[in-house]
Amino acid sequence: MDIIQLRDYCIAKPGVTESFPFGEQTLVFKVMDKMFAATNIENYTSVNLKCDPEWAQELRASDPLIQPGYHMNKKHWNTVESAIFPDSTLLKEMIDHSYDIVVVKLTKAKKEALKKGLS
């Protein structure tokens, strides 16, 4: 999955916006203003994804290309190195999971807005 495919996959999800809150190089994807993915667009070698702590540990134990989140809360974020990107099935599963766990924790009002297609 190249950076264009990553962007297209993330931005197609309901309520997702993209921005550069950490500078011109770091592309951040948010659902209803809550971050679920981030990557460096100039040096696209990894993507940070939110993850359930238990699954995060399992993923890290099963693949050395999945590490605790770089510059993120190590318990809740993974950094997925680019060598895993050819396995787009796993990467998409991790992106979906990241999006879903953020959506679950949205306020009731934001969940309603998301259902109505507002972002």
Protein backbone atom coordinates (compact mmCIF):
# COMPACT_ATOMS: atom_id res chain seq x y z
CA MET A 1 0.00 0.00 0.00
CA ASP A 2 1.62 3.24 -1.09
CA ILE A 3 0.85 6.61 0.46
CA ILE A 4 -1.86 7.42 -2.10
CA GLN A 5 -3.61 4.12 -1.39
CA LEU A 6 -3.29 4.73 2.36
CA ARG A 7 -4.80 8.19 1.99
CA ASP A 8 -7.61 6.96 -0.24
CA TYR A 9 -8.43 4.12 2.14
CA CYS A 10 -8.50 6.34 5.23
CA ILE A 11 -10.31 9.31 3.71
CA ALA A 12 -13.07 7.08 2.33
CA LYS A 13 -14.23 6.23 5.84
CA PRO A 14 -17.24 8.15 7.20
CA GLY A 15 -16.43 11.35 9.08
CA VAL A 16 -12.72 11.32 8.25
CA THR A 17 -10.72 14.46 7.66
CA GLU A 18 -7.03 14.95 7.00
CA SER A 19 -4.77 17.67 8.33
CA PHE A 20 -1.20 18.59 9.17
CA PRO A 21 -1.37 19.61 12.87
CA PHE A 22 2.24 18.60 13.57
CA GLY A 23 3.86 20.34 10.59
CA GLU A 24 4.00 20.02 6.82
CA GLN A 25 5.39 16.48 6.83
CA THR A 26 3.00 14.66 9.15
CA LEU A 27 -0.33 13.75 7.60
CA VAL A 28 -2.97 12.99 10.24
CA PHE A 29 -6.31 11.29 9.70
CA LYS A 30 -9.09 12.02 12.18
CA VAL A 31 -12.62 10.79 12.61
CA MET A 32 -14.83 13.47 14.14
CA ASP A 33 -11.68 15.37 15.23
CA LYS A 34 -10.07 12.35 16.93
CA MET A 35 -6.83 11.02 15.46
CA PHE A 36 -6.64 7.40 14.31
CA ALA A 37 -3.68 7.42 11.88
CA ALA A 38 -0.57 9.47 11.11
CA THR A 39 2.30 9.19 8.66
CA ASN A 40 5.22 11.18 7.31
CA ILE A 41 4.48 12.13 3.70
CA GLU A 42 8.07 13.01 2.81
CA ASN A 43 9.59 9.86 4.27
CA TYR A 44 6.78 7.32 4.02
CA THR A 45 8.34 4.41 5.87
CA SER A 46 5.70 3.80 8.53
CA VAL A 47 2.24 4.65 9.77
CA ASN A 48 1.08 5.14 13.37
CA LEU A 49 -2.23 3.48 14.19
CA LYS A 50 -4.27 3.38 17.37
CA CYS A 51 -4.73 -0.12 18.77
CA ASP A 52 -6.36 -1.99 21.61
CA PRO A 53 -3.53 -2.58 24.13
CA GLU A 54 -3.94 -6.37 24.17
CA TRP A 55 -3.96 -6.69 20.38
CA ALA A 56 -1.08 -4.22 20.19
CA GLN A 57 1.02 -6.57 22.32
CA GLU A 58 0.05 -9.57 20.19
CA LEU A 59 0.93 -7.76 16.96
CA ARG A 60 4.27 -6.60 18.32
CA ALA A 61 5.11 -10.12 19.49
CA SER A 62 4.20 -11.63 16.13
CA ASP A 63 6.01 -9.20 13.83
CA PRO A 64 9.17 -7.12 14.42
CA LEU A 65 7.87 -4.58 11.88
CA ILE A 66 5.16 -3.56 14.34
CA GLN A 67 6.57 -1.53 17.21
CA PRO A 68 5.23 0.68 20.01
CA GLY A 69 4.02 3.99 18.58
CA TYR A 70 6.80 6.41 17.73
CA HIS A 71 6.14 9.72 19.54
CA MET A 72 2.81 8.30 20.72
CA ASN A 73 1.37 6.61 23.79
CA LYS A 74 3.16 3.26 23.58
CA LYS A 75 0.27 1.39 25.18
CA HIS A 76 -2.36 2.53 22.66
CA TRP A 77 -0.43 3.15 19.44
CA ASN A 78 1.66 1.03 17.07
CA THR A 79 4.12 2.12 14.44
CA VAL A 80 3.82 -0.19 11.45
CA GLU A 81 6.94 -0.25 9.28
CA SER A 82 6.62 -0.05 5.50
CA ALA A 83 7.95 -3.54 4.85
CA ILE A 84 4.59 -4.87 6.06
CA PHE A 85 2.68 -2.70 3.56
CA PRO A 86 2.59 -5.31 0.77
CA ASP A 87 0.28 -7.27 3.07
CA SER A 88 -2.49 -4.75 2.59
CA THR A 89 -5.01 -7.12 4.19
CA LEU A 90 -3.32 -6.86 7.59
CA LEU A 91 -2.66 -3.16 7.18
CA LYS A 92 -6.31 -2.50 6.26
CA GLU A 93 -7.41 -4.58 9.25
CA MET A 94 -5.21 -2.45 11.52
CA ILE A 95 -6.51 0.79 9.96
CA ASP A 96 -10.11 -0.39 10.35
CA HIS A 97 -9.43 -1.35 13.96
CA SER A 98 -7.85 2.03 14.69
CA TYR A 99 -10.83 3.85 13.18
CA ASP A 100 -13.33 1.64 15.01
CA ILE A 101 -11.82 2.03 18.47
CA VAL A 102 -11.84 5.81 18.06
CA VAL A 103 -15.47 5.79 16.89
CA VAL A 104 -16.54 3.64 19.86
CA LYS A 105 -15.18 6.26 22.27
CA LEU A 106 -16.83 9.26 20.60
CA THR A 107 -19.43 11.19 22.53
CA LYS A 108 -23.06 10.38 21.84
CA ALA A 109 -23.45 13.68 19.98
CA LYS A 110 -20.45 12.98 17.75
CA LYS A 111 -21.68 9.44 17.05
CA GLU A 112 -25.04 10.88 15.98
CA ALA A 113 -23.33 13.45 13.76
CA LEU A 114 -21.22 10.70 12.22
CA LYS A 115 -24.37 8.67 11.46
CA LYS A 116 -25.86 11.73 9.77
CA GLY A 117 -22.77 12.15 7.62
CA LEU A 118 -21.46 15.28 9.32
CA SER A 119 -17.78 15.68 10.11
